[in-house]
Amino acid sequence: MPMAVGVIETLGFPAVLAAADAMVKSAEVAIVYYGIAESGRLLVVVRGHVAEVNRAVEAGITAGEAAYGGQVITYYIVPNPPENIETILPIHFTSKSEPFRFF
């Protein structure tokens, strides 16, 4: 089955924490990257099967917006990224994320 990537960018830490929590609780996905984008913007990236990532991103958006002062800036889902993207961008499974891989 194809692996997908889902990204949510929020303004502020509470929103990204709520989004990440909702994402991993609502679907069988693993967080593969978390980082600071700029100016208080944070992002969280998950990997999993396409249907699971779709469900996770939807739950993450809802939770991020519901957090006090939370604002989801943007989100994006890539259904089946090619290998060259996985090689260059930080969306691959690492030794930290591998134990949480469901698939």
C-alpha atoms as a PDB file:
ATOM      1  CA  MET A   1       0.000   0.000   0.000  1.00  0.00           C
ATOM      2  CA  PRO A   2       1.250   3.508  -0.706  1.00  0.00           C
ATOM      3  CA  MET A   3       2.676   5.545   2.135  1.00  0.00           C
ATOM      4  CA  ALA A   4       1.487   9.110   2.548  1.00  0.00           C
ATOM      5  CA  VAL A   5       2.889  12.174   4.265  1.00  0.00           C
ATOM      6  CA  GLY A   6       0.731  14.645   6.160  1.00  0.00           C
ATOM      7  CA  VAL A   7       1.950  18.039   7.397  1.00  0.00           C
ATOM      8  CA  ILE A   8       0.239  20.566   9.647  1.00  0.00           C
ATOM      9  CA  GLU A   9       1.706  23.995  10.363  1.00  0.00           C
ATOM     10  CA  THR A  10       0.364  25.937  13.339  1.00  0.00           C
ATOM     11  CA  LEU A  11       0.953  29.208  15.089  1.00  0.00           C
ATOM     12  CA  GLY A  12       2.157  28.493  18.630  1.00  0.00           C
ATOM     13  CA  PHE A  13       3.129  25.416  20.581  1.00  0.00           C
ATOM     14  CA  PRO A  14      -0.259  24.538  22.159  1.00  0.00           C
ATOM     15  CA  ALA A  15      -1.856  24.181  18.736  1.00  0.00           C
ATOM     16  CA  VAL A  16       0.892  21.920  17.355  1.00  0.00           C
ATOM     17  CA  LEU A  17       0.839  19.804  20.511  1.00  0.00           C
ATOM     18  CA  ALA A  18      -2.934  19.378  20.278  1.00  0.00           C
ATOM     19  CA  ALA A  19      -2.675  18.575  16.562  1.00  0.00           C
ATOM     20  CA  ALA A  20       0.089  15.995  17.050  1.00  0.00           C
ATOM     21  CA  ASP A  21      -1.786  14.356  19.915  1.00  0.00           C
ATOM     22  CA  ALA A  22      -4.998  14.110  17.908  1.00  0.00           C
ATOM     23  CA  MET A  23      -3.183  12.803  14.844  1.00  0.00           C
ATOM     24  CA  VAL A  24      -1.552   9.839  16.542  1.00  0.00           C
ATOM     25  CA  LYS A  25      -4.661   9.010  18.567  1.00  0.00           C
ATOM     26  CA  SER A  26      -7.100   9.113  15.651  1.00  0.00           C
ATOM     27  CA  ALA A  27      -5.230   6.992  13.117  1.00  0.00           C
ATOM     28  CA  GLU A  28      -2.382   4.545  12.685  1.00  0.00           C
ATOM     29  CA  VAL A  29       0.309   7.082  11.830  1.00  0.00           C
ATOM     30  CA  ALA A  30       3.756   7.844  13.191  1.00  0.00           C
ATOM     31  CA  ILE A  31       5.272  11.273  13.750  1.00  0.00           C
ATOM     32  CA  VAL A  32       8.446  11.432  11.682  1.00  0.00           C
ATOM     33  CA  TYR A  33       9.338  15.101  12.053  1.00  0.00           C
ATOM     34  CA  TYR A  34       8.578  18.065  14.274  1.00  0.00           C
ATOM     35  CA  GLY A  35      10.180  21.456  13.876  1.00  0.00           C
ATOM     36  CA  ILE A  36      10.046  25.218  13.947  1.00  0.00           C
ATOM     37  CA  ALA A  37       9.159  26.874  10.649  1.00  0.00           C
ATOM     38  CA  GLU A  38       9.594  30.553  11.580  1.00  0.00           C
ATOM     39  CA  SER A  39       8.109  33.302  13.761  1.00  0.00           C
ATOM     40  CA  GLY A  40       6.337  31.005  16.203  1.00  0.00           C
ATOM     41  CA  ARG A  41       5.140  28.680  13.479  1.00  0.00           C
ATOM     42  CA  LEU A  42       5.616  24.992  14.186  1.00  0.00           C
ATOM     43  CA  LEU A  43       4.999  21.954  12.067  1.00  0.00           C
ATOM     44  CA  VAL A  44       4.425  18.285  12.597  1.00  0.00           C
ATOM     45  CA  VAL A  45       4.783  15.580   9.935  1.00  0.00           C
ATOM     46  CA  VAL A  46       3.205  12.121  10.040  1.00  0.00           C
ATOM     47  CA  ARG A  47       3.543   9.040   7.823  1.00  0.00           C
ATOM     48  CA  GLY A  48       1.173   6.169   7.251  1.00  0.00           C
ATOM     49  CA  HIS A  49      -1.234   4.694   4.744  1.00  0.00           C
ATOM     50  CA  VAL A  50      -3.144   7.245   2.681  1.00  0.00           C
ATOM     51  CA  ALA A  51      -6.512   6.761   4.409  1.00  0.00           C
ATOM     52  CA  GLU A  52      -4.895   6.896   7.842  1.00  0.00           C
ATOM     53  CA  VAL A  53      -2.987  10.104   7.059  1.00  0.00           C
ATOM     54  CA  ASN A  54      -6.155  11.725   5.706  1.00  0.00           C
ATOM     55  CA  ARG A  55      -7.985  10.867   8.924  1.00  0.00           C
ATOM     56  CA  ALA A  56      -5.067  12.014  11.082  1.00  0.00           C
ATOM     57  CA  VAL A  57      -4.681  15.378   9.354  1.00  0.00           C
ATOM     58  CA  GLU A  58      -8.410  16.046   9.612  1.00  0.00           C
ATOM     59  CA  ALA A  59      -8.324  15.321  13.356  1.00  0.00           C
ATOM     60  CA  GLY A  60      -5.150  17.381  13.771  1.00  0.00           C
ATOM     61  CA  ILE A  61      -6.693  20.419  12.094  1.00  0.00           C
ATOM     62  CA  THR A  62      -9.767  20.224  14.316  1.00  0.00           C
ATOM     63  CA  ALA A  63      -7.686  19.848  17.481  1.00  0.00           C
ATOM     64  CA  GLY A  64      -5.205  22.568  16.521  1.00  0.00           C
ATOM     65  CA  GLU A  65      -7.993  25.070  15.896  1.00  0.00           C
ATOM     66  CA  ALA A  66      -9.716  24.081  19.148  1.00  0.00           C
ATOM     67  CA  ALA A  67      -6.619  24.707  21.289  1.00  0.00           C
ATOM     68  CA  TYR A  68      -6.768  27.973  23.207  1.00  0.00           C
ATOM     69  CA  GLY A  69      -5.421  30.632  20.853  1.00  0.00           C
ATOM     70  CA  GLY A  70      -4.690  27.894  18.325  1.00  0.00           C
ATOM     71  CA  GLN A  71      -4.404  28.620  14.665  1.00  0.00           C
ATOM     72  CA  VAL A  72      -3.689  26.166  11.891  1.00  0.00           C
ATOM     73  CA  ILE A  73      -1.745  28.085   9.247  1.00  0.00           C
ATOM     74  CA  THR A  74      -1.694  25.426   6.552  1.00  0.00           C
ATOM     75  CA  TYR A  75      -1.693  21.691   5.948  1.00  0.00           C
ATOM     76  CA  TYR A  76      -0.839  19.376   3.102  1.00  0.00           C
ATOM     77  CA  ILE A  77      -1.058  15.679   2.256  1.00  0.00           C
ATOM     78  CA  VAL A  78       1.203  13.926  -0.252  1.00  0.00           C
ATOM     79  CA  PRO A  79      -0.366  10.547  -1.076  1.00  0.00           C
ATOM     80  CA  ASN A  80       2.718   8.740  -2.404  1.00  0.00           C
ATOM     81  CA  PRO A  81       5.960  10.750  -2.353  1.00  0.00           C
ATOM     82  CA  PRO A  82       8.713   9.520  -4.683  1.00  0.00           C
ATOM     83  CA  GLU A  83      11.999   8.212  -3.331  1.00  0.00           C
ATOM     84  CA  ASN A  84      13.983  11.330  -4.213  1.00  0.00           C
ATOM     85  CA  ILE A  85      11.738  13.430  -1.974  1.00  0.00           C
ATOM     86  CA  GLU A  86      12.120  10.942   0.874  1.00  0.00           C
ATOM     87  CA  THR A  87      15.887  11.061   0.468  1.00  0.00           C
ATOM     88  CA  ILE A  88      16.169  14.857   0.626  1.00  0.00           C
ATOM     89  CA  LEU A  89      13.377  16.007   2.953  1.00  0.00           C
ATOM     90  CA  PRO A  90      13.067  14.931   6.610  1.00  0.00           C
ATOM     91  CA  ILE A  91      10.029  12.689   6.091  1.00  0.00           C
ATOM     92  CA  HIS A  92      11.639   9.266   6.454  1.00  0.00           C
ATOM     93  CA  PHE A  93      11.500   7.014   9.477  1.00  0.00           C
ATOM     94  CA  THR A  94      14.403   7.525  11.861  1.00  0.00           C
ATOM     95  CA  SER A  95      15.647   5.440  14.758  1.00  0.00           C
ATOM     96  CA  LYS A  96      13.417   7.561  17.029  1.00  0.00           C
ATOM     97  CA  SER A  97      10.249   7.134  14.961  1.00  0.00           C
ATOM     98  CA  GLU A  98      10.751   3.523  13.832  1.00  0.00           C
ATOM     99  CA  PRO A  99       9.478   1.919  17.096  1.00  0.00           C
ATOM    100  CA  PHE A 100       6.117   3.641  16.570  1.00  0.00           C
ATOM    101  CA  ARG A 101       5.654   2.449  13.014  1.00  0.00           C
ATOM    102  CA  PHE A 102       2.405   0.487  12.579  1.00  0.00           C
ATOM    103  CA  PHE A 103       3.026  -0.796   9.062  1.00  0.00           C
END
